[in-house]
Every structure is written in C-alpha cells, then in structure tokens.
Protein backbone atom coordinates (compact mmCIF):
# COMPACT_ATOMS: atom_id res chain seq x y z
CA MET A 1 73.58 -13.87 -4.41
CA ILE A 2 70.84 -11.28 -4.39
CA GLN A 3 67.70 -12.14 -6.37
CA ILE A 4 66.54 -9.20 -8.48
CA PRO A 5 62.73 -9.23 -8.94
CA SER A 6 61.32 -9.13 -12.45
CA TYR A 7 59.24 -6.19 -13.69
CA ALA A 8 56.73 -5.68 -16.47
CA ASP A 9 58.25 -4.91 -19.83
CA GLU A 10 56.13 -1.85 -20.41
CA ILE A 11 54.16 0.68 -18.40
CA LYS A 12 51.73 2.84 -20.35
CA GLU A 13 52.48 6.54 -20.26
CA TYR A 14 49.91 9.28 -20.77
CA THR A 15 50.46 12.97 -21.37
CA ALA A 16 48.15 15.98 -21.21
CA SER A 17 45.29 16.36 -23.69
CA GLY A 18 45.88 20.09 -24.12
CA ASN A 19 42.35 20.92 -22.89
CA ALA A 20 43.24 21.90 -19.32
CA GLU A 21 42.12 25.52 -19.54
CA GLU A 22 38.80 24.53 -21.12
CA ILE A 23 38.12 21.98 -18.37
CA TYR A 24 39.03 24.42 -15.59
CA ASN A 25 36.61 26.96 -17.07
CA ILE A 26 33.84 24.35 -17.33
CA ILE A 27 34.05 23.12 -13.74
CA ASN A 28 34.63 26.42 -11.95
CA PHE A 29 31.00 27.07 -11.03
CA THR A 30 30.41 30.12 -8.86
CA ASP A 31 27.75 28.22 -6.88
CA SER A 32 29.93 25.16 -6.22
CA GLY A 33 29.55 25.54 -2.45
CA GLY A 34 25.84 24.73 -2.72
CA ILE A 35 26.04 21.83 -5.15
CA PRO A 36 25.10 18.36 -3.82
CA ASN A 37 27.13 15.59 -5.44
CA LEU A 38 29.81 18.10 -6.45
CA GLN A 39 32.20 15.33 -7.50
CA ALA A 40 29.66 13.83 -9.91
CA VAL A 41 28.74 17.28 -11.23
CA GLN A 42 32.37 18.25 -11.89
CA ASP A 43 33.25 14.93 -13.51
CA CYS A 44 30.18 14.95 -15.78
CA ALA A 45 30.83 18.58 -16.69
CA ALA A 46 34.51 17.87 -17.45
CA LEU A 47 33.36 15.01 -19.71
CA GLN A 48 30.88 17.46 -21.30
CA LEU A 49 27.90 15.27 -20.49
CA ILE A 50 26.15 18.16 -18.74
CA TYR A 51 26.64 21.92 -18.65
CA GLY A 52 26.04 24.77 -16.27
CA SER A 53 23.88 27.82 -16.70
CA GLY A 54 26.51 30.42 -17.48
CA LYS A 55 28.93 30.57 -14.55
CA ASN A 56 26.44 28.82 -12.26
CA PHE A 57 25.49 25.17 -12.32
CA ALA A 58 22.05 25.67 -10.73
CA PRO A 59 21.90 22.17 -9.20
CA PHE A 60 18.22 22.27 -8.24
CA ASP A 61 16.95 23.30 -11.66
CA ASN A 62 14.97 20.70 -13.57
CA TYR A 63 15.48 19.34 -17.09
CA LEU A 64 12.80 19.30 -19.75
CA ASN A 65 12.04 15.94 -21.35
CA SER A 66 13.58 17.17 -24.60
CA PHE A 67 16.87 18.14 -22.97
CA ALA A 68 16.92 14.94 -20.91
CA LEU A 69 16.56 12.80 -24.05
CA ARG A 70 19.40 14.77 -25.60
CA VAL A 71 21.63 13.97 -22.61
CA VAL A 72 20.61 10.30 -22.78
CA TYR A 73 21.72 10.10 -26.41
CA ARG A 74 24.81 12.17 -25.67
CA SER A 75 25.78 9.57 -23.05
CA ALA A 76 25.60 6.91 -25.77
CA GLY A 77 27.71 8.93 -28.22
CA ARG A 78 24.67 9.55 -30.44
CA GLU A 79 23.92 13.23 -29.96
CA GLN A 80 24.74 14.14 -33.55
CA GLU A 81 22.46 11.34 -34.73
CA GLY A 82 19.61 13.12 -32.95
CA PHE A 83 20.36 16.41 -34.71
CA ASP A 84 20.56 14.61 -38.05
CA ALA A 85 17.23 12.86 -37.45
CA ALA A 86 15.57 16.19 -36.67
CA ALA A 87 16.66 17.56 -40.04
CA ASP A 88 15.82 14.45 -42.08
CA PRO A 89 12.68 15.16 -44.19
CA LYS A 90 11.84 11.47 -44.58
CA LEU A 91 12.05 10.72 -40.85
CA ARG A 92 10.02 13.82 -40.05
CA GLN A 93 7.34 12.84 -42.52
CA GLU A 94 7.17 9.29 -41.18
CA ALA A 95 6.76 10.71 -37.67
CA GLY A 96 4.04 13.10 -38.84
CA LEU A 97 6.03 16.21 -37.93
CA THR A 98 5.95 19.58 -39.67
CA ALA A 99 8.79 21.08 -41.68
CA TYR A 100 12.11 21.50 -39.87
CA ASP A 101 13.25 24.77 -38.34
CA GLU A 102 16.21 25.64 -36.12
CA ASN A 103 14.11 25.26 -32.97
CA ALA A 104 13.03 21.74 -33.86
CA TRP A 105 16.25 20.00 -32.79
CA ALA A 106 14.38 18.12 -30.02
CA ASP A 107 12.28 16.32 -32.62
CA GLY A 108 15.25 14.19 -33.58
CA PHE A 109 15.65 12.80 -30.09
CA TYR A 110 11.94 12.00 -29.87
CA ILE A 111 12.19 10.24 -33.25
CA LEU A 112 15.15 8.19 -32.04
CA ALA A 113 13.46 7.50 -28.67
CA LEU A 114 10.43 6.09 -30.50
CA LYS A 115 12.62 4.04 -32.83
CA ASP A 116 14.76 2.67 -29.96
CA GLY A 117 11.84 1.86 -27.65
CA LEU A 118 12.50 4.52 -25.02
CA ILE A 119 8.97 5.78 -25.53
CA THR A 120 5.86 4.20 -27.09
CA SER A 121 3.87 5.43 -30.09
CA GLU A 122 1.17 6.64 -27.73
CA GLN A 123 3.70 8.57 -25.63
CA PHE A 124 5.19 10.08 -28.80
CA ILE A 125 1.79 11.38 -29.87
CA GLN A 126 1.10 12.72 -26.37
CA ALA A 127 4.42 14.59 -26.42
CA TYR A 128 3.21 16.64 -29.41
CA THR A 129 -0.53 16.91 -28.74
CA ASP A 130 -0.89 17.27 -24.97
CA GLU A 131 1.28 19.78 -23.10
CA SER A 132 0.10 18.28 -19.80
CA SER A 133 1.36 14.84 -20.85
CA GLU A 134 4.17 13.32 -18.81
CA PHE A 135 6.21 13.11 -22.04
CA SER A 136 5.59 16.59 -23.42
CA LYS A 137 8.65 18.35 -24.84
CA THR A 138 7.95 21.30 -22.54
CA ARG A 139 7.42 19.31 -19.35
CA ASN A 140 10.13 18.47 -16.82
CA VAL A 141 11.48 14.92 -16.87
CA SER A 142 10.89 12.63 -13.91
CA VAL A 143 13.67 10.72 -12.18
CA GLN A 144 11.96 7.44 -13.05
CA ASN A 145 11.74 8.18 -16.78
CA PHE A 146 15.37 9.28 -16.93
CA ILE A 147 16.53 6.06 -15.25
CA LYS A 148 14.31 4.03 -17.59
CA TRP A 149 15.72 5.80 -20.66
CA MET A 150 19.31 5.30 -19.46
CA CYS A 151 18.68 1.59 -18.95
CA ARG A 152 17.09 1.32 -22.39
CA ILE A 153 19.80 3.19 -24.30
CA HIS A 154 22.59 1.24 -22.56
CA ASN A 155 20.89 -2.16 -22.90
CA ILE A 156 20.63 -2.99 -19.22
CA PRO A 157 18.82 -6.34 -18.82
CA LEU A 158 15.47 -5.92 -17.06
CA ILE A 159 14.62 -7.97 -13.98
CA ASN A 160 10.94 -8.54 -13.35
CA SER A 161 10.95 -9.24 -9.65
CA SER A 162 10.45 -7.27 -6.47
CA LEU A 163 13.20 -5.00 -5.22
CA PRO A 164 15.01 -5.92 -2.00
CA GLY A 165 13.78 -4.47 1.28
CA GLU A 166 10.68 -2.36 1.54
CA VAL A 167 11.43 -0.01 -1.35
CA TYR A 168 8.44 0.54 -3.61
CA VAL A 169 8.89 1.66 -7.18
CA ASP A 170 6.04 2.11 -9.64
CA ILE A 171 5.39 -1.24 -11.34
CA ASN A 172 6.13 0.34 -14.74
CA TYR A 173 9.68 1.15 -13.68
CA ALA A 174 10.64 -1.54 -11.14
CA ALA A 175 12.28 -3.82 -13.72
CA TYR A 176 14.62 -1.01 -14.81
CA TYR A 177 15.59 -0.14 -11.25
CA HIS A 178 16.19 -3.79 -10.38
CA GLY A 179 18.21 -4.32 -13.57
CA ALA A 180 20.45 -1.35 -12.73
CA LEU A 181 20.82 -2.66 -9.17
CA LYS A 182 21.76 -6.14 -10.38
CA GLN A 183 24.41 -4.71 -12.73
CA GLY A 184 25.95 -2.70 -9.88
CA ILE A 185 25.00 0.58 -11.52
CA LEU A 186 22.67 1.83 -8.78
CA THR A 187 23.09 1.05 -5.09
CA ASN A 188 20.35 0.19 -2.59
CA GLU A 189 20.69 3.69 -1.19
CA GLN A 190 20.21 5.22 -4.63
CA ILE A 191 17.18 3.01 -5.29
CA GLN A 192 15.60 4.37 -2.11
CA LYS A 193 16.61 7.92 -2.97
CA PHE A 194 15.17 7.77 -6.49
CA ALA A 195 12.17 5.51 -5.83
CA ALA A 196 9.49 8.14 -5.27
CA TRP A 197 8.10 10.01 -8.26
CA ARG A 198 9.56 13.50 -8.60
CA TYR A 199 11.15 15.75 -11.14
CA LEU A 200 14.81 15.20 -11.93
CA THR A 201 17.22 17.92 -10.79
CA LYS A 202 20.51 18.66 -12.53
CA SER A 203 22.35 17.36 -9.46
CA ASP A 204 20.36 14.10 -9.64
CA MET A 205 21.19 13.79 -13.32
CA ALA A 206 24.93 14.06 -12.63
CA GLU A 207 24.75 11.36 -9.96
CA ILE A 208 22.84 8.99 -12.24
CA LEU A 209 25.18 9.64 -15.18
CA GLN A 210 28.20 8.91 -13.02
CA SER A 211 26.56 5.66 -11.88
CA PHE A 212 26.34 4.63 -15.55
CA GLU A 213 30.01 5.49 -16.11
CA GLY A 214 30.93 1.90 -16.99
CA GLN A 215 28.40 1.96 -19.84
CA ILE A 216 29.03 5.55 -20.97
CA LEU A 217 32.82 5.77 -21.22
CA PRO A 218 33.39 3.08 -23.90
CA LYS A 219 30.68 4.61 -26.10
CA LEU A 220 32.46 7.98 -25.94
CA GLY A 221 35.87 6.51 -26.72
CA LEU A 222 36.96 7.06 -23.11
CA GLU A 223 38.60 4.87 -20.51
CA GLN A 224 39.62 5.32 -16.91
CA PHE A 225 42.36 3.99 -14.66
CA SER A 226 42.03 3.91 -10.87
CA GLY A 227 44.91 3.41 -8.49
CA ASN A 228 47.10 4.99 -5.84
CA VAL A 229 50.03 7.32 -6.37
CA SER A 230 53.05 5.09 -5.86
CA GLN A 231 55.75 7.43 -7.19
CA ILE A 232 56.24 11.11 -7.97
CA HIS A 233 59.39 12.16 -9.81
CA GLU A 234 60.13 15.78 -10.63
CA ASP A 235 62.94 16.63 -13.02
CA TYR A 236 63.47 20.38 -12.87
CA LYS A 237 66.13 20.37 -15.56
CA ALA A 238 63.75 18.76 -18.05
CA ASN A 239 60.71 20.60 -16.62
CA LYS A 240 58.90 17.31 -16.23
CA ARG A 241 56.76 15.65 -13.55
CA GLU A 242 56.09 11.90 -13.67
CA ILE A 243 53.34 10.46 -11.49
CA THR A 244 52.97 6.68 -11.25
CA LEU A 245 49.54 5.27 -10.42
CA THR A 246 49.40 1.65 -9.27
CA ASN A 247 46.63 -0.81 -8.53
CA ASN A 248 46.77 -4.52 -7.82
CA ALA A 249 46.96 -5.33 -11.54
CA GLU A 250 49.19 -2.77 -13.22
CA SER A 251 50.71 0.71 -13.22
CA ILE A 252 50.56 3.72 -15.51
CA ILE A 253 52.62 6.91 -15.66
CA ILE A 254 51.18 10.40 -16.06
CA THR A 255 53.66 12.92 -17.47
CA THR A 256 53.16 16.68 -17.28
CA ALA A 257 55.19 19.84 -17.17
CA LEU A 258 56.15 21.25 -13.77
CA THR A 259 53.53 23.79 -12.70
CA PRO A 260 52.47 25.33 -9.38
CA ASP A 261 49.83 23.66 -7.19
CA ALA A 262 47.16 26.12 -8.34
CA PRO A 263 46.40 26.58 -12.04
CA VAL A 264 48.16 29.36 -13.91
CA PHE A 265 46.52 29.45 -17.33
CA ALA A 266 49.66 30.53 -19.15
CA GLN A 267 51.35 27.27 -18.06
CA LEU A 268 48.54 24.81 -18.78
CA GLU A 269 49.42 23.57 -22.26
CA ASN A 270 51.10 20.46 -20.84
CA GLU A 271 49.14 20.22 -17.59
CA ILE A 272 46.32 17.91 -16.51
CA PRO A 273 43.46 19.24 -14.34
CA VAL A 274 43.17 17.70 -10.90
CA LEU A 275 39.72 17.59 -9.31
CA GLY A 276 39.04 16.79 -5.69
CA LYS A 277 41.65 18.86 -3.91
CA ASN A 278 40.13 22.30 -4.42
CA GLN A 279 37.88 23.62 -7.16
CA GLY A 280 40.60 22.81 -9.66
CA ASP A 281 44.30 22.11 -9.10
CA THR A 282 47.28 20.95 -11.12
CA THR A 283 49.34 17.81 -10.74
CA GLY A 284 51.56 19.77 -8.38
CA SER A 285 48.88 19.22 -5.71
CA ILE A 286 49.05 15.41 -5.94
CA ARG A 287 50.69 13.65 -3.03
CA PHE A 288 52.12 10.18 -2.53
CA THR A 289 49.45 7.54 -1.73
CA ASP A 290 46.55 9.67 -3.02
CA ALA A 291 43.83 7.42 -4.45
CA ALA A 292 43.03 8.73 -7.91
CA LYS A 293 41.13 8.05 -11.11
CA VAL A 294 42.41 9.21 -14.50
CA TYR A 295 40.07 9.77 -17.45
CA ILE A 296 41.77 8.99 -20.76
CA LYS A 297 40.89 9.61 -24.41
CA ASN A 298 43.07 8.89 -27.45
CA ASP A 299 45.94 7.98 -25.11
CA LYS A 300 45.79 11.44 -23.51
CA ALA A 301 44.86 12.16 -19.89
CA LEU A 302 41.85 14.50 -19.77
CA PHE A 303 41.75 15.02 -16.00
CA ILE A 304 42.52 13.33 -12.69
CA ARG A 305 39.96 12.85 -9.94
CA ILE A 306 41.42 12.53 -6.42
CA LEU A 307 39.26 10.03 -4.55
CA SER A 308 40.94 9.83 -1.16
CA SER A 309 44.28 9.72 0.63
CA ASN A 310 45.54 6.55 2.27
CA SER A 311 49.06 5.78 3.46
CA ASP A 312 48.34 2.22 4.61
CA ILE A 313 48.28 0.40 1.28
CA GLU A 314 50.26 -2.80 1.20
CA TYR A 315 51.45 -2.76 -2.41
CA LEU A 316 52.77 0.79 -2.04
CA LYS A 317 55.24 -0.58 0.47
CA ASN A 318 56.96 -2.47 -2.35
CA PRO A 319 60.00 -0.68 -3.71
CA VAL A 320 60.30 1.50 -6.77
CA VAL A 321 63.40 0.41 -8.68
CA TYR A 322 65.87 2.65 -10.50
CA LYS A 323 68.94 1.87 -12.56
CA GLY A 324 71.92 4.12 -13.22
CA THR A 325 75.68 4.52 -12.92
CA LEU A 326 77.31 5.38 -9.60
CA PHE A 327 78.69 8.91 -9.42
CA LEU A 328 79.50 9.36 -5.74
CA TYR A 329 78.36 8.76 -2.18
CA ASP A 330 77.92 11.85 0.00
CA TYR A 331 78.83 10.96 3.59
CA THR A 332 77.58 14.30 4.97
CA THR A 333 74.00 13.74 3.84
CA SER A 334 74.00 9.93 3.61
CA SER A 335 72.97 10.09 -0.01
CA ILE A 336 74.03 8.43 -3.23
CA ILE A 337 74.18 10.25 -6.56
CA LEU A 338 73.55 8.32 -9.77
CA ASP A 339 73.94 9.42 -13.37
CA ASN A 340 71.91 8.25 -16.40
CA VAL A 341 69.02 7.24 -14.19
CA LYS A 342 65.98 5.37 -15.47
CA LYS A 343 63.15 3.48 -13.84
CA ALA A 344 63.39 -0.29 -14.13
CA GLY A 345 60.68 -2.07 -16.08
CA LYS A 346 59.84 0.77 -18.46
CA ILE A 347 60.98 0.44 -22.06
CA ASP A 348 62.24 3.39 -24.09
CA GLU A 349 62.82 5.26 -20.82
CA ASN A 350 63.98 8.83 -21.17
CA ILE A 351 67.34 9.02 -19.42
CA TRP A 352 67.51 11.46 -16.50
CA GLY A 353 70.66 13.28 -15.49
CA TYR A 354 72.22 13.24 -12.04
CA GLN A 355 69.74 12.22 -9.33
CA THR A 356 70.24 12.19 -5.56
CA PHE A 357 68.76 9.39 -3.43
CA TYR A 358 68.86 9.44 0.37
CA LEU A 359 69.56 6.22 2.24
CA LYS A 360 67.55 4.73 5.06
CA ASP A 361 69.52 4.23 8.27
CA ASN A 362 69.49 0.47 7.77
CA ALA A 363 69.99 0.48 3.99
CA LYS A 364 71.71 -2.63 2.60
CA ILE A 365 74.47 -2.26 0.00
CA TYR A 366 75.73 -5.16 -2.12
CA TYR A 367 78.68 -5.37 -4.51
CA CYS A 368 79.21 -8.50 -6.61
CA GLY A 369 76.70 -10.31 -4.40
CA ASN A 370 78.43 -9.45 -1.12
CA GLU A 371 77.15 -6.98 1.45
CA ILE A 372 79.39 -3.96 1.97
CA SER A 373 79.19 -0.80 4.06
CA THR A 374 78.99 2.79 2.90
CA GLU A 375 82.67 3.11 3.75
CA ASN A 376 83.43 0.77 0.84
CA ILE A 377 81.78 3.08 -1.70
CA ASN A 378 84.83 4.78 -3.14
CA ALA A 379 86.24 6.11 -6.39
CA GLU A 380 86.95 2.59 -7.63
CA LEU A 381 83.21 1.97 -7.83
CA SER A 382 82.47 5.13 -9.81
CA ASP A 383 80.74 4.50 -13.13
CA LYS A 384 79.63 1.05 -11.96
CA SER A 385 76.09 0.07 -12.84
CA CYS A 386 73.69 0.28 -9.90
CA ILE A 387 70.21 -0.90 -9.08
CA ILE A 388 68.58 0.84 -6.14
CA TYR A 389 65.36 -0.05 -4.33
CA VAL A 390 63.46 2.94 -3.01
CA ASN A 391 60.66 2.99 -0.43
CA TYR A 392 58.60 5.87 0.87
CA ASP A 393 59.51 6.86 4.43
CA TYR A 394 56.13 7.61 6.03
CA ALA A 395 57.65 9.20 9.12
CA GLY A 396 60.15 11.32 7.22
CA GLY A 397 57.79 12.24 4.40
CA MET A 398 60.23 11.42 1.61
CA GLU A 399 61.63 8.57 -0.45
CA ARG A 400 64.63 6.72 0.92
CA VAL A 401 66.81 3.96 -0.49
CA ARG A 402 66.19 0.57 1.07
CA SER A 403 68.96 -1.28 -0.75
CA ILE A 404 71.61 -0.81 -3.44
CA ILE A 405 73.07 -3.42 -5.76
CA ILE A 406 76.33 -2.45 -7.43
CA GLU A 407 77.18 -4.63 -10.39
C-alpha cells in the first residue's frame, strides 16, 4: 500500500492590507538610481520609518538631531508620546522650557531622551544653550550618536570590551557598537563602515534601521515571514492568485487578486506591493523559487520584498499535494483534470473548480494500492477521489504531476 504523508492542519493565509497604492507612491523616488542601500531605503519608507523629500529621497542629506530623535522614538512605537510630551505644560516646566508653540514639537523628544537616558542633563542643557553643541536641535546628528540612541531605546545590552580586529570606535560609544555586534544587529563590516565620526546620511539611517528590524517590528505591531516561493496557483475564474512561501519550519499563503506584473492603480485594492524586482511590481512578477520576505500587520500583508532567486533548494523539491475528484484523463496532452480541487493540509480550503494537471513522463498512478497505467484511467474511475503529488519541472518551467493516488 502507498503511504500518504501527513501535513500540517493549518497554514496561515494573509490577504492584502489595502494600502498598495500608498506604498507604491511612497517608494517611487525619482532619484532611486542614485540611492545606496536602495533595498533598506524602500523597506524603511514602506514601513513609514523614514520619508523622502517630495518625490526625491535625497540619500546624502543629513538629519538634524531633533529629527533623528523623532525617528528613534518612531522606531520604538513612541512617536506620539514625543508629541504629547512637547505639549505637556508640567513636563515643559520641569525641563525649564518656554511655553509650547507649534514649532516646539522637537522638545518632546529631547524631554523623553533625557528621561530615558539617551542624553545626559548636561547634553540636554547644551542642546538649548549652545548651537555649536554636538546635541543642538539645529545640528546634524552623528552616526555614533544615532547608533547609541538606537541601542538605548531598544535595550541592547552594552559590552565593555574591545571590538574585534583593528576597528577603533570612540571609547564613549564602543560598548554600544559591541553590544549591537554581539546581538547580531550590526556586522563587522558595518562596524568598520560606521566607526569613524561623521554625520549620518539618510541612506545610513535606513541601513541602520533595517539592521534593528528584529527590535523594531514587534514594537510597531509588525511581523515578517521569510521563505521561498514553493507554489503559485492562479484561478482566473475566481480572479485569485495564491502564493505559498515555505521555509524549513512552516508555510504561509499570500492571496491576492489577479493583476498584471506592473502596477495598475485601478486594480490595486486587493494587491500587495512587491519590492526588489523593479521599482515596484505586483504579485504577478513573483516566480517559483524566489526567496522573499513578507511584512505583516494585523494579519494583512503590507508588502513583499524579493531577496533572491534560487532553484536549488532541497525542500522545494518535495511535492505540493492536491485533493479532488477525477473528471477525465486527456491522452492528447497527457494531463488529468480534477474537479472540486483543494490543497491538502489546509483547513477551510476554498474549493476550486476544474483544474488541469500535466503528468511527468514517469508519473506513477495507483488505484486501490496497486500501480496502474494511464490506459486504465477510464469512465469507471470518474468521480473517484484523487490525491495528486505535484513537483516543479525545472527544465520544463512548469508544475507536473509526480504521482496520483485514486481511492
């Protein structure tokens, strides 16, 4: 008898967030060709951690200390807390600040930074009394201070020892750099890149924010799933595209409407932006075996980042399993047609209509535990329950049936 493998009872399914057009507009910078770290910039912009300057991103512009502190608190989900602190008369009085006006929003982030230990009392006073101070509201932030503030706000344990290799970082910042390195947030290459004192550029900021992704996402109510595309199913009758992402632990399904490869805004209500192919694509551009990362909020997929393409992934060689009832076998095309098709292992599966599956040349067919040939698939077997095992044919560029079990 044939042993049928067991499958997980449930695979999580995510649909579009409805914000596709907004995300496309955010990431479509006119100066994208000159942006270092474009992936980090687009991802951080799509997550609304950073913004461009109009239609441009201006990657080599610097950030003022006040704006940098705002981004630091934004990354911790506390941006509104900063605005509230700026408008709080009691907090302003305790900090020795004048009456609030609409241009004093930055005060709140300095108040919080003092309270949370990002800056000292002395540095707070310097920020308001000495425009030449390193911490002045109107002075550009340094890379080292931004990394320090990110480590502080996200509670990265400090390590008071020398950094590996010959990298020298100012003694006042070395413990933060080493702590981020130990946590796997910054790499050795990034430590070297950001070791010397200099002003932070917007491109640098995006790279550092993305490095802190593991700390940032939970605080913003976000999660991400990384895997490879192990299945793409398009149902034109239902106007639905299902994309299965798989890693070594689990799988998820992304469901969208059928749209062209390139975004057409009128069709984006049920679409998910895809970053990494071109400036911005739809799920129609995703291909089998693409390595991808999905950003998720409130059980909705915000956008998909394509990381790479790889066809030599062992677990993708395992079959995708479908169940259905046998309709007919087409000898002319060597294909089997099933009705009432659903994917095995997924509960509450939406039933698909007639689906055609093409057989591999050496496909195995079993009926009541015995192997049969395609010649034995006749009218008597119509409406019999079937389980089919499908693999991707790398040479042929399509899915083909490896084996069929007729019950």
